[in-house]
Amino acid sequence: MTKLANKQLDIIIVSYNTAEYTKRAIQSVYDQTKATDFNIIVVDNNSPDNSVDVIRDNFSDVILIESKQNLGFAGGVNLGAKAANSDYILLLNPDTIILEAAIDKIMHFAQEKPEAGIWGGITLNNDLSLNPNNARARLSFQTLLFSALGLSKLFRSSCFFNHDNYGCWDRNSIRKVDVITGCFFLTTRKLWKQLNGLDDTFFMYAEEADYCIRAINKGKQPIVSPNARIIHHGGVSEANFSGKMIKLLKGKAELINKHTPRWKQFLFKNLLLIHVINKVLSYNVQVLLKRDKKSLLIEWETILRQRHSWLKGYR
């Protein structure tokens, strides 16, 4: 594996069938990052589209690693990290756009708060409205119960009922969090090596939560800066809703397998199942009321039918 020149930062992007998004993400890094000396490493997960050609033709300075199989997000990042040689590593999704020197700002923030070990910023939707999925709390009885009962959605602005997404936090202040989302995720290479990178048991989703939990166990404290802002489109490599949700639920089940005492695992996984059952019931009612939710009902029914697969996690 080729080693890069030692700079301040290595940016790792894992692409899968996202040619135009990846191109925009890389261009935004170059356009908006002037105070940080960086490398960009793109790992292409055997994309069926023209991602490799688009990256190679447009960005001669990018280190392009072509995987011969789809390694998932964690596996792809770990492959890219083998080439990393800088003090910091930034995980950046291909469906993001860097805004207003966000990378320079998060690097400055990391140097102000070196004890954190993991740093994140704020994610926005394409219309620049807030996307609150930049950070979340670790899985607990409270977060799973209120999600299963629909209370976290009903009371989105409550930090009690929606503690999972820190509902009462307006994202305008610095905050210590349990988990920083992997779409814009800065860590030190020293910590990365101590933790042996991401656990590639997690094919997709929850791998960053696992990394954060392991970092916290070593005395680190993930923290978010309100000044580093990006656009995150979300889910562009997974067009199928049920497919995405099944991977998401598998990731949560695997977190439960790895970080929850055995006596709690049955309870926590059944709360995941109740969440899905309640979605099916809710959309059945909406179909009966002729609210045109048939397609979503079919997706959730598919997820429920495959529960024996995703409840096991990724192992």
C-alpha atoms as a PDB file:
ATOM      1  CA  MET A   1       0.000   0.000   0.000  1.00  0.00           C
ATOM      2  CA  THR A   2       1.408   3.388  -1.022  1.00  0.00           C
ATOM      3  CA  LYS A   3       2.260   5.684   1.886  1.00  0.00           C
ATOM      4  CA  LEU A   4       1.511   9.376   1.493  1.00  0.00           C
ATOM      5  CA  ALA A   5       3.689  12.330   2.346  1.00  0.00           C
ATOM      6  CA  ASN A   6       3.224  13.307   5.978  1.00  0.00           C
ATOM      7  CA  LYS A   7       0.837  16.261   6.045  1.00  0.00           C
ATOM      8  CA  GLN A   8      -1.526  17.590   8.709  1.00  0.00           C
ATOM      9  CA  LEU A   9      -4.537  15.592   7.596  1.00  0.00           C
ATOM     10  CA  ASP A  10      -5.534  12.562   5.548  1.00  0.00           C
ATOM     11  CA  ILE A  11      -9.136  12.703   4.300  1.00  0.00           C
ATOM     12  CA  ILE A  12     -10.661   9.288   3.571  1.00  0.00           C
ATOM     13  CA  ILE A  13     -13.700   9.027   1.297  1.00  0.00           C
ATOM     14  CA  VAL A  14     -15.324   5.665   0.575  1.00  0.00           C
ATOM     15  CA  SER A  15     -17.308   5.717  -2.658  1.00  0.00           C
ATOM     16  CA  TYR A  16     -19.835   3.262  -3.982  1.00  0.00           C
ATOM     17  CA  ASN A  17     -21.832   4.125  -7.070  1.00  0.00           C
ATOM     18  CA  THR A  18     -21.738   7.855  -6.219  1.00  0.00           C
ATOM     19  CA  ALA A  19     -19.649   9.335  -9.049  1.00  0.00           C
ATOM     20  CA  GLU A  20     -21.140  12.836  -9.257  1.00  0.00           C
ATOM     21  CA  TYR A  21     -21.606  13.186  -5.498  1.00  0.00           C
ATOM     22  CA  THR A  22     -18.004  12.127  -4.904  1.00  0.00           C
ATOM     23  CA  LYS A  23     -16.779  14.604  -7.512  1.00  0.00           C
ATOM     24  CA  ARG A  24     -18.680  17.458  -5.823  1.00  0.00           C
ATOM     25  CA  ALA A  25     -17.448  16.432  -2.371  1.00  0.00           C
ATOM     26  CA  ILE A  26     -13.798  16.387  -3.456  1.00  0.00           C
ATOM     27  CA  GLN A  27     -14.096  19.688  -5.298  1.00  0.00           C
ATOM     28  CA  SER A  28     -15.655  21.299  -2.217  1.00  0.00           C
ATOM     29  CA  VAL A  29     -12.685  20.123  -0.132  1.00  0.00           C
ATOM     30  CA  TYR A  30     -10.256  21.816  -2.513  1.00  0.00           C
ATOM     31  CA  ASP A  31     -12.394  24.956  -2.769  1.00  0.00           C
ATOM     32  CA  GLN A  32     -12.944  25.400   0.965  1.00  0.00           C
ATOM     33  CA  THR A  33      -9.736  24.146   2.606  1.00  0.00           C
ATOM     34  CA  LYS A  34      -6.917  26.693   2.487  1.00  0.00           C
ATOM     35  CA  ALA A  35      -5.312  26.607   5.942  1.00  0.00           C
ATOM     36  CA  THR A  36      -4.817  22.833   6.246  1.00  0.00           C
ATOM     37  CA  ASP A  37      -2.230  20.744   4.433  1.00  0.00           C
ATOM     38  CA  PHE A  38      -4.090  17.588   3.423  1.00  0.00           C
ATOM     39  CA  ASN A  39      -4.162  14.436   1.330  1.00  0.00           C
ATOM     40  CA  ILE A  40      -7.350  12.913  -0.091  1.00  0.00           C
ATOM     41  CA  ILE A  41      -7.642   9.133  -0.219  1.00  0.00           C
ATOM     42  CA  VAL A  42     -10.630   7.697  -2.090  1.00  0.00           C
ATOM     43  CA  VAL A  43     -11.448   4.017  -1.716  1.00  0.00           C
ATOM     44  CA  ASP A  44     -13.844   2.849  -4.390  1.00  0.00           C
ATOM     45  CA  ASN A  45     -15.828  -0.199  -3.285  1.00  0.00           C
ATOM     46  CA  ASN A  46     -16.043  -1.815  -6.723  1.00  0.00           C
ATOM     47  CA  SER A  47     -18.663   0.675  -7.963  1.00  0.00           C
ATOM     48  CA  PRO A  48     -20.747  -0.455 -10.954  1.00  0.00           C
ATOM     49  CA  ASP A  49     -20.938   3.131 -12.227  1.00  0.00           C
ATOM     50  CA  ASN A  50     -18.106   5.290 -13.617  1.00  0.00           C
ATOM     51  CA  SER A  51     -16.872   6.502 -10.210  1.00  0.00           C
ATOM     52  CA  VAL A  52     -13.273   5.382 -10.764  1.00  0.00           C
ATOM     53  CA  ASP A  53     -13.011   7.116 -14.146  1.00  0.00           C
ATOM     54  CA  VAL A  54     -14.606  10.330 -12.856  1.00  0.00           C
ATOM     55  CA  ILE A  55     -12.207  10.556  -9.911  1.00  0.00           C
ATOM     56  CA  ARG A  56      -9.127   9.638 -11.939  1.00  0.00           C
ATOM     57  CA  ASP A  57      -9.975  12.053 -14.780  1.00  0.00           C
ATOM     58  CA  ASN A  58     -10.758  15.038 -12.553  1.00  0.00           C
ATOM     59  CA  PHE A  59      -8.403  14.815  -9.583  1.00  0.00           C
ATOM     60  CA  SER A  60      -4.844  13.811 -10.335  1.00  0.00           C
ATOM     61  CA  ASP A  61      -3.686  14.525  -6.762  1.00  0.00           C
ATOM     62  CA  VAL A  62      -6.213  12.166  -5.152  1.00  0.00           C
ATOM     63  CA  ILE A  63      -4.906   8.780  -4.054  1.00  0.00           C
ATOM     64  CA  LEU A  64      -7.399   6.342  -5.588  1.00  0.00           C
ATOM     65  CA  ILE A  65      -7.594   2.828  -4.159  1.00  0.00           C
ATOM     66  CA  GLU A  66      -9.752   0.402  -6.129  1.00  0.00           C
ATOM     67  CA  SER A  67     -11.184  -2.414  -4.060  1.00  0.00           C
ATOM     68  CA  LYS A  68     -12.114  -5.512  -6.043  1.00  0.00           C
ATOM     69  CA  GLN A  69     -15.111  -6.091  -3.794  1.00  0.00           C
ATOM     70  CA  ASN A  70     -17.563  -4.026  -1.768  1.00  0.00           C
ATOM     71  CA  LEU A  71     -15.957  -3.895   1.681  1.00  0.00           C
ATOM     72  CA  GLY A  72     -18.690  -1.752   3.200  1.00  0.00           C
ATOM     73  CA  PHE A  73     -17.975   1.555   4.900  1.00  0.00           C
ATOM     74  CA  ALA A  74     -15.811   0.247   7.761  1.00  0.00           C
ATOM     75  CA  GLY A  75     -13.787  -2.072   5.548  1.00  0.00           C
ATOM     76  CA  GLY A  76     -13.300   0.646   2.945  1.00  0.00           C
ATOM     77  CA  VAL A  77     -12.152   3.198   5.518  1.00  0.00           C
ATOM     78  CA  ASN A  78      -9.733   0.703   7.069  1.00  0.00           C
ATOM     79  CA  LEU A  79      -8.259   0.014   3.631  1.00  0.00           C
ATOM     80  CA  GLY A  80      -7.784   3.738   3.022  1.00  0.00           C
ATOM     81  CA  ALA A  81      -6.311   4.274   6.484  1.00  0.00           C
ATOM     82  CA  LYS A  82      -3.469   1.869   5.656  1.00  0.00           C
ATOM     83  CA  ALA A  83      -2.145   4.579   3.347  1.00  0.00           C
ATOM     84  CA  ALA A  84      -2.628   7.370   5.898  1.00  0.00           C
ATOM     85  CA  ASN A  85       0.506   8.954   7.311  1.00  0.00           C
ATOM     86  CA  SER A  86      -0.651  12.225   8.881  1.00  0.00           C
ATOM     87  CA  ASP A  87      -1.407  13.189  12.463  1.00  0.00           C
ATOM     88  CA  TYR A  88      -5.165  13.403  11.847  1.00  0.00           C
ATOM     89  CA  ILE A  89      -7.657  11.314   9.878  1.00  0.00           C
ATOM     90  CA  LEU A  90     -10.964  12.729   8.627  1.00  0.00           C
ATOM     91  CA  LEU A  91     -13.730  10.388   7.495  1.00  0.00           C
ATOM     92  CA  LEU A  92     -15.845  12.200   4.903  1.00  0.00           C
ATOM     93  CA  ASN A  93     -18.868  10.806   3.100  1.00  0.00           C
ATOM     94  CA  PRO A  94     -19.037  11.178  -0.684  1.00  0.00           C
ATOM     95  CA  ASP A  95     -22.503  12.766  -0.390  1.00  0.00           C
ATOM     96  CA  THR A  96     -21.245  15.813   1.501  1.00  0.00           C
ATOM     97  CA  ILE A  97     -20.279  19.373   0.584  1.00  0.00           C
ATOM     98  CA  ILE A  98     -17.803  21.331   2.671  1.00  0.00           C
ATOM     99  CA  LEU A  99     -19.092  24.781   3.617  1.00  0.00           C
ATOM    100  CA  GLU A 100     -17.191  27.895   4.731  1.00  0.00           C
ATOM    101  CA  ALA A 101     -13.799  26.325   5.486  1.00  0.00           C
ATOM    102  CA  ALA A 102     -15.355  23.611   7.655  1.00  0.00           C
ATOM    103  CA  ILE A 103     -12.259  21.401   7.535  1.00  0.00           C
ATOM    104  CA  ASP A 104      -9.961  24.267   8.531  1.00  0.00           C
ATOM    105  CA  LYS A 105     -12.353  25.092  11.369  1.00  0.00           C
ATOM    106  CA  ILE A 106     -12.633  21.543  12.709  1.00  0.00           C
ATOM    107  CA  MET A 107      -8.849  21.171  12.595  1.00  0.00           C
ATOM    108  CA  HIS A 108      -8.473  24.383  14.605  1.00  0.00           C
ATOM    109  CA  PHE A 109     -11.127  23.093  17.035  1.00  0.00           C
ATOM    110  CA  ALA A 110      -9.218  19.811  17.447  1.00  0.00           C
ATOM    111  CA  GLN A 111      -6.084  21.715  18.378  1.00  0.00           C
ATOM    112  CA  GLU A 112      -8.061  23.757  20.924  1.00  0.00           C
ATOM    113  CA  LYS A 113      -9.628  20.597  22.429  1.00  0.00           C
ATOM    114  CA  PRO A 114      -6.908  17.960  22.020  1.00  0.00           C
ATOM    115  CA  GLU A 115      -8.179  15.832  24.901  1.00  0.00           C
ATOM    116  CA  ALA A 116     -11.354  14.870  22.988  1.00  0.00           C
ATOM    117  CA  GLY A 117      -9.689  12.530  20.493  1.00  0.00           C
ATOM    118  CA  ILE A 118     -12.750  12.702  18.189  1.00  0.00           C
ATOM    119  CA  TRP A 119     -14.299  15.859  16.756  1.00  0.00           C
ATOM    120  CA  GLY A 120     -17.377  16.547  14.633  1.00  0.00           C
ATOM    121  CA  GLY A 121     -19.298  19.417  13.117  1.00  0.00           C
ATOM    122  CA  ILE A 122     -22.849  20.294  12.122  1.00  0.00           C
ATOM    123  CA  THR A 123     -24.698  18.690   9.208  1.00  0.00           C
ATOM    124  CA  LEU A 124     -27.219  20.554   7.069  1.00  0.00           C
ATOM    125  CA  ASN A 125     -29.710  19.462   4.443  1.00  0.00           C
ATOM    126  CA  ASN A 126     -29.375  20.602   0.838  1.00  0.00           C
ATOM    127  CA  ASP A 127     -31.608  23.622   1.553  1.00  0.00           C
ATOM    128  CA  LEU A 128     -29.280  24.526   4.471  1.00  0.00           C
ATOM    129  CA  SER A 129     -31.863  23.571   7.090  1.00  0.00           C
ATOM    130  CA  LEU A 130     -30.520  21.685  10.090  1.00  0.00           C
ATOM    131  CA  ASN A 131     -29.964  17.947   9.768  1.00  0.00           C
ATOM    132  CA  PRO A 132     -29.725  16.801  13.418  1.00  0.00           C
ATOM    133  CA  ASN A 133     -28.016  13.512  12.594  1.00  0.00           C
ATOM    134  CA  ASN A 134     -24.498  14.862  13.176  1.00  0.00           C
ATOM    135  CA  ALA A 135     -24.329  13.256  16.624  1.00  0.00           C
ATOM    136  CA  ARG A 136     -26.351  11.009  18.883  1.00  0.00           C
ATOM    137  CA  ALA A 137     -26.451   9.277  22.220  1.00  0.00           C
ATOM    138  CA  ARG A 138     -25.361   5.679  22.609  1.00  0.00           C
ATOM    139  CA  LEU A 139     -28.080   3.020  22.689  1.00  0.00           C
ATOM    140  CA  SER A 140     -29.816   2.692  26.043  1.00  0.00           C
ATOM    141  CA  PHE A 141     -33.098   1.428  27.429  1.00  0.00           C
ATOM    142  CA  GLN A 142     -34.408   5.014  27.360  1.00  0.00           C
ATOM    143  CA  THR A 143     -33.460   5.779  23.744  1.00  0.00           C
ATOM    144  CA  LEU A 144     -34.738   2.422  22.449  1.00  0.00           C
ATOM    145  CA  LEU A 145     -37.992   2.571  24.429  1.00  0.00           C
ATOM    146  CA  PHE A 146     -38.944   6.092  23.361  1.00  0.00           C
ATOM    147  CA  SER A 147     -38.066   5.277  19.747  1.00  0.00           C
ATOM    148  CA  ALA A 148     -40.130   2.066  19.859  1.00  0.00           C
ATOM    149  CA  LEU A 149     -43.133   3.957  21.216  1.00  0.00           C
ATOM    150  CA  GLY A 150     -42.762   6.814  18.728  1.00  0.00           C
ATOM    151  CA  LEU A 151     -42.209   9.352  21.516  1.00  0.00           C
ATOM    152  CA  SER A 152     -38.830  10.490  20.198  1.00  0.00           C
ATOM    153  CA  LYS A 153     -40.501  11.457  16.928  1.00  0.00           C
ATOM    154  CA  LEU A 154     -43.535  13.010  18.612  1.00  0.00           C
ATOM    155  CA  PHE A 155     -41.366  15.110  20.929  1.00  0.00           C
ATOM    156  CA  ARG A 156     -38.432  15.870  18.624  1.00  0.00           C
ATOM    157  CA  SER A 157     -37.359  18.953  20.599  1.00  0.00           C
ATOM    158  CA  SER A 158     -37.177  17.147  23.919  1.00  0.00           C
ATOM    159  CA  CYS A 159     -33.840  15.995  25.318  1.00  0.00           C
ATOM    160  CA  PHE A 160     -35.759  13.586  27.568  1.00  0.00           C
ATOM    161  CA  PHE A 161     -37.904  11.839  24.955  1.00  0.00           C
ATOM    162  CA  ASN A 162     -35.485  12.430  22.068  1.00  0.00           C
ATOM    163  CA  HIS A 163     -32.213  11.979  23.922  1.00  0.00           C
ATOM    164  CA  ASP A 164     -31.030   9.788  21.030  1.00  0.00           C
ATOM    165  CA  ASN A 165     -30.674  12.897  18.809  1.00  0.00           C
ATOM    166  CA  TYR A 166     -30.192  15.429  21.631  1.00  0.00           C
ATOM    167  CA  GLY A 167     -33.532  16.978  20.699  1.00  0.00           C
ATOM    168  CA  CYS A 168     -33.261  20.181  22.757  1.00  0.00           C
ATOM    169  CA  TRP A 169     -29.782  21.049  21.462  1.00  0.00           C
ATOM    170  CA  ASP A 170     -30.025  23.720  18.757  1.00  0.00           C
ATOM    171  CA  ARG A 171     -26.510  22.901  17.418  1.00  0.00           C
ATOM    172  CA  ASN A 172     -25.332  26.446  18.098  1.00  0.00           C
ATOM    173  CA  SER A 173     -23.048  25.518  20.967  1.00  0.00           C
ATOM    174  CA  ILE A 174     -20.120  23.224  21.648  1.00  0.00           C
ATOM    175  CA  ARG A 175     -21.337  19.900  23.057  1.00  0.00           C
ATOM    176  CA  LYS A 176     -19.786  16.714  24.326  1.00  0.00           C
ATOM    177  CA  VAL A 177     -21.615  13.741  22.799  1.00  0.00           C
ATOM    178  CA  ASP A 178     -21.531   9.959  22.839  1.00  0.00           C
ATOM    179  CA  VAL A 179     -21.305   9.398  19.088  1.00  0.00           C
ATOM    180  CA  ILE A 180     -20.241  11.563  16.161  1.00  0.00           C
ATOM    181  CA  THR A 181     -21.632  10.535  12.786  1.00  0.00           C
ATOM    182  CA  GLY A 182     -19.115   9.049  10.356  1.00  0.00           C
ATOM    183  CA  CYS A 183     -19.988  11.432   7.513  1.00  0.00           C
ATOM    184  CA  PHE A 184     -17.701  14.130   9.008  1.00  0.00           C
ATOM    185  CA  PHE A 185     -15.562  12.490  11.656  1.00  0.00           C
ATOM    186  CA  LEU A 186     -12.127  13.695  12.715  1.00  0.00           C
ATOM    187  CA  THR A 187      -9.800  11.644  14.905  1.00  0.00           C
ATOM    188  CA  THR A 188      -6.084  11.384  15.573  1.00  0.00           C
ATOM    189  CA  ARG A 189      -4.045   8.719  13.843  1.00  0.00           C
ATOM    190  CA  LYS A 190      -2.577   7.871  17.255  1.00  0.00           C
ATOM    191  CA  LEU A 191      -6.033   6.996  18.649  1.00  0.00           C
ATOM    192  CA  TRP A 192      -6.926   5.244  15.391  1.00  0.00           C
ATOM    193  CA  LYS A 193      -3.939   2.943  15.804  1.00  0.00           C
ATOM    194  CA  GLN A 194      -4.683   2.358  19.498  1.00  0.00           C
ATOM    195  CA  LEU A 195      -8.227   1.249  18.610  1.00  0.00           C
ATOM    196  CA  ASN A 196      -7.151  -0.676  15.483  1.00  0.00           C
ATOM    197  CA  GLY A 197      -9.432   1.521  13.362  1.00  0.00           C
ATOM    198  CA  LEU A 198     -13.054   0.681  12.705  1.00  0.00           C
ATOM    199  CA  ASP A 199     -14.408  -2.771  13.469  1.00  0.00           C
ATOM    200  CA  ASP A 200     -15.217  -4.054   9.987  1.00  0.00           C
ATOM    201  CA  THR A 201     -17.714  -6.523  11.457  1.00  0.00           C
ATOM    202  CA  PHE A 202     -20.010  -3.525  10.973  1.00  0.00           C
ATOM    203  CA  PHE A 203     -20.454  -3.598   7.185  1.00  0.00           C
ATOM    204  CA  MET A 204     -22.369  -0.343   7.202  1.00  0.00           C
ATOM    205  CA  TYR A 205     -23.850   1.821   9.985  1.00  0.00           C
ATOM    206  CA  ALA A 206     -22.933   1.951  13.695  1.00  0.00           C
ATOM    207  CA  GLU A 207     -19.207   1.462  13.088  1.00  0.00           C
ATOM    208  CA  GLU A 208     -18.539   5.036  14.214  1.00  0.00           C
ATOM    209  CA  ALA A 209     -20.661   4.467  17.335  1.00  0.00           C
ATOM    210  CA  ASP A 210     -18.541   1.438  18.180  1.00  0.00           C
ATOM    211  CA  TYR A 211     -15.339   3.472  17.647  1.00  0.00           C
ATOM    212  CA  CYS A 212     -16.625   6.293  19.882  1.00  0.00           C
ATOM    213  CA  ILE A 213     -17.655   3.904  22.649  1.00  0.00           C
ATOM    214  CA  ARG A 214     -14.231   2.255  22.590  1.00  0.00           C
ATOM    215  CA  ALA A 215     -12.565   5.690  22.635  1.00  0.00           C
ATOM    216  CA  ILE A 216     -14.678   6.800  25.615  1.00  0.00           C
ATOM    217  CA  ASN A 217     -13.597   3.632  27.422  1.00  0.00           C
ATOM    218  CA  LYS A 218     -10.019   4.860  26.951  1.00  0.00           C
ATOM    219  CA  GLY A 219     -10.807   8.239  28.504  1.00  0.00           C
ATOM    220  CA  LYS A 220     -11.587  10.244  25.352  1.00  0.00           C
ATOM    221  CA  GLN A 221     -14.683  12.419  24.918  1.00  0.00           C
ATOM    222  CA  PRO A 222     -16.133  13.095  21.447  1.00  0.00           C
ATOM    223  CA  ILE A 223     -17.083  16.747  21.017  1.00  0.00           C
ATOM    224  CA  VAL A 224     -18.880  18.830  18.374  1.00  0.00           C
ATOM    225  CA  SER A 225     -18.082  22.315  17.111  1.00  0.00           C
ATOM    226  CA  PRO A 226     -21.020  24.444  15.911  1.00  0.00           C
ATOM    227  CA  ASN A 227     -18.746  26.361  13.528  1.00  0.00           C
ATOM    228  CA  ALA A 228     -17.718  23.521  11.177  1.00  0.00           C
ATOM    229  CA  ARG A 229     -20.713  22.962   8.899  1.00  0.00           C
ATOM    230  CA  ILE A 230     -21.271  20.704   5.923  1.00  0.00           C
ATOM    231  CA  ILE A 231     -24.151  19.597   3.710  1.00  0.00           C
ATOM    232  CA  HIS A 232     -24.929  15.894   4.036  1.00  0.00           C
ATOM    233  CA  HIS A 233     -27.408  14.418   1.557  1.00  0.00           C
ATOM    234  CA  GLY A 234     -27.520  10.984   3.231  1.00  0.00           C
ATOM    235  CA  GLY A 235     -28.111   7.478   1.927  1.00  0.00           C
ATOM    236  CA  VAL A 236     -27.336   8.118  -1.746  1.00  0.00           C
ATOM    237  CA  SER A 237     -25.506   4.793  -2.219  1.00  0.00           C
ATOM    238  CA  GLU A 238     -28.551   2.865  -0.956  1.00  0.00           C
ATOM    239  CA  ALA A 239     -31.607   3.624  -3.090  1.00  0.00           C
ATOM    240  CA  ASN A 240     -33.766   0.941  -1.483  1.00  0.00           C
ATOM    241  CA  PHE A 241     -35.362   2.126   1.783  1.00  0.00           C
ATOM    242  CA  SER A 242     -35.869  -1.325   3.281  1.00  0.00           C
ATOM    243  CA  GLY A 243     -32.304  -2.315   2.365  1.00  0.00           C
ATOM    244  CA  LYS A 244     -30.937   0.755   4.139  1.00  0.00           C
ATOM    245  CA  MET A 245     -33.087   0.208   7.224  1.00  0.00           C
ATOM    246  CA  ILE A 246     -32.135  -3.466   7.478  1.00  0.00           C
ATOM    247  CA  LYS A 247     -28.436  -2.510   7.474  1.00  0.00           C
ATOM    248  CA  LEU A 248     -29.147   0.209  10.050  1.00  0.00           C
ATOM    249  CA  LEU A 249     -30.970  -2.256  12.303  1.00  0.00           C
ATOM    250  CA  LYS A 250     -28.213  -4.830  11.840  1.00  0.00           C
ATOM    251  CA  GLY A 251     -25.703  -2.215  12.943  1.00  0.00           C
ATOM    252  CA  LYS A 252     -27.740  -1.418  16.064  1.00  0.00           C
ATOM    253  CA  ALA A 253     -28.134  -5.114  16.843  1.00  0.00           C
ATOM    254  CA  GLU A 254     -24.379  -5.571  16.483  1.00  0.00           C
ATOM    255  CA  LEU A 255     -23.769  -2.663  18.871  1.00  0.00           C
ATOM    256  CA  ILE A 256     -26.028  -4.435  21.344  1.00  0.00           C
ATOM    257  CA  ASN A 257     -24.098  -7.680  20.827  1.00  0.00           C
ATOM    258  CA  LYS A 258     -20.785  -5.965  21.482  1.00  0.00           C
ATOM    259  CA  HIS A 259     -21.493  -3.351  24.143  1.00  0.00           C
ATOM    260  CA  THR A 260     -24.531  -4.503  26.131  1.00  0.00           C
ATOM    261  CA  PRO A 261     -24.457  -7.061  28.961  1.00  0.00           C
ATOM    262  CA  ARG A 262     -25.932 -10.364  27.845  1.00  0.00           C
ATOM    263  CA  TRP A 263     -28.856 -10.099  30.241  1.00  0.00           C
ATOM    264  CA  LYS A 264     -29.947  -6.830  28.569  1.00  0.00           C
ATOM    265  CA  GLN A 265     -29.535  -7.950  24.973  1.00  0.00           C
ATOM    266  CA  PHE A 266     -32.898  -9.720  24.680  1.00  0.00           C
ATOM    267  CA  LEU A 267     -34.731  -6.645  26.018  1.00  0.00           C
ATOM    268  CA  PHE A 268     -32.859  -4.164  23.807  1.00  0.00           C
ATOM    269  CA  LYS A 269     -33.337  -6.221  20.630  1.00  0.00           C
ATOM    270  CA  ASN A 270     -37.027  -6.647  21.319  1.00  0.00           C
ATOM    271  CA  LEU A 271     -37.351  -2.880  21.606  1.00  0.00           C
ATOM    272  CA  LEU A 272     -35.855  -2.676  18.096  1.00  0.00           C
ATOM    273  CA  LEU A 273     -38.472  -5.193  16.969  1.00  0.00           C
ATOM    274  CA  ILE A 274     -41.319  -3.280  18.641  1.00  0.00           C
ATOM    275  CA  HIS A 275     -40.186  -0.138  16.802  1.00  0.00           C
ATOM    276  CA  VAL A 276     -40.578  -1.951  13.457  1.00  0.00           C
ATOM    277  CA  ILE A 277     -43.911  -3.532  14.427  1.00  0.00           C
ATOM    278  CA  ASN A 278     -45.284  -0.125  15.407  1.00  0.00           C
ATOM    279  CA  LYS A 279     -44.181   1.297  12.049  1.00  0.00           C
ATOM    280  CA  VAL A 280     -46.095  -1.460  10.254  1.00  0.00           C
ATOM    281  CA  LEU A 281     -49.184  -0.850  12.389  1.00  0.00           C
ATOM    282  CA  SER A 282     -48.970   2.919  11.883  1.00  0.00           C
ATOM    283  CA  TYR A 283     -48.708   2.674   8.096  1.00  0.00           C
ATOM    284  CA  ASN A 284     -51.544   0.112   7.988  1.00  0.00           C
ATOM    285  CA  VAL A 285     -53.766   2.671   9.714  1.00  0.00           C
ATOM    286  CA  GLN A 286     -52.670   5.403   7.323  1.00  0.00           C
ATOM    287  CA  VAL A 287     -53.409   3.184   4.314  1.00  0.00           C
ATOM    288  CA  LEU A 288     -56.862   2.467   5.721  1.00  0.00           C
ATOM    289  CA  LEU A 289     -57.384   6.217   6.044  1.00  0.00           C
ATOM    290  CA  LYS A 290     -56.332   6.541   2.388  1.00  0.00           C
ATOM    291  CA  ARG A 291     -53.259   8.683   3.129  1.00  0.00           C
ATOM    292  CA  ASP A 292     -51.289   7.115   0.281  1.00  0.00           C
ATOM    293  CA  LYS A 293     -48.646   5.341   2.387  1.00  0.00           C
ATOM    294  CA  LYS A 294     -48.854   1.963   0.675  1.00  0.00           C
ATOM    295  CA  SER A 295     -45.272   2.020  -0.620  1.00  0.00           C
ATOM    296  CA  LEU A 296     -43.850   2.725   2.844  1.00  0.00           C
ATOM    297  CA  LEU A 297     -46.074   0.036   4.355  1.00  0.00           C
ATOM    298  CA  ILE A 298     -44.632  -2.498   1.903  1.00  0.00           C
ATOM    299  CA  GLU A 299     -41.080  -1.435   2.825  1.00  0.00           C
ATOM    300  CA  TRP A 300     -41.695  -1.795   6.565  1.00  0.00           C
ATOM    301  CA  GLU A 301     -43.418  -5.145   6.059  1.00  0.00           C
ATOM    302  CA  THR A 302     -40.299  -6.303   4.192  1.00  0.00           C
ATOM    303  CA  ILE A 303     -38.146  -5.178   7.110  1.00  0.00           C
ATOM    304  CA  LEU A 304     -40.362  -7.014   9.587  1.00  0.00           C
ATOM    305  CA  ARG A 305     -40.289 -10.236   7.550  1.00  0.00           C
ATOM    306  CA  GLN A 306     -36.489 -10.180   7.619  1.00  0.00           C
ATOM    307  CA  ARG A 307     -36.282  -9.625  11.387  1.00  0.00           C
ATOM    308  CA  HIS A 308     -34.575 -12.974  12.050  1.00  0.00           C
ATOM    309  CA  SER A 309     -31.652 -11.789   9.915  1.00  0.00           C
ATOM    310  CA  TRP A 310     -31.119  -8.283  11.251  1.00  0.00           C
ATOM    311  CA  LEU A 311     -31.782  -9.122  14.913  1.00  0.00           C
ATOM    312  CA  LYS A 312     -28.618 -11.255  14.851  1.00  0.00           C
ATOM    313  CA  GLY A 313     -26.465  -8.274  13.896  1.00  0.00           C
ATOM    314  CA  TYR A 314     -23.598  -8.620  11.456  1.00  0.00           C
ATOM    315  CA  ARG A 315     -21.866 -11.602  13.060  1.00  0.00           C
END
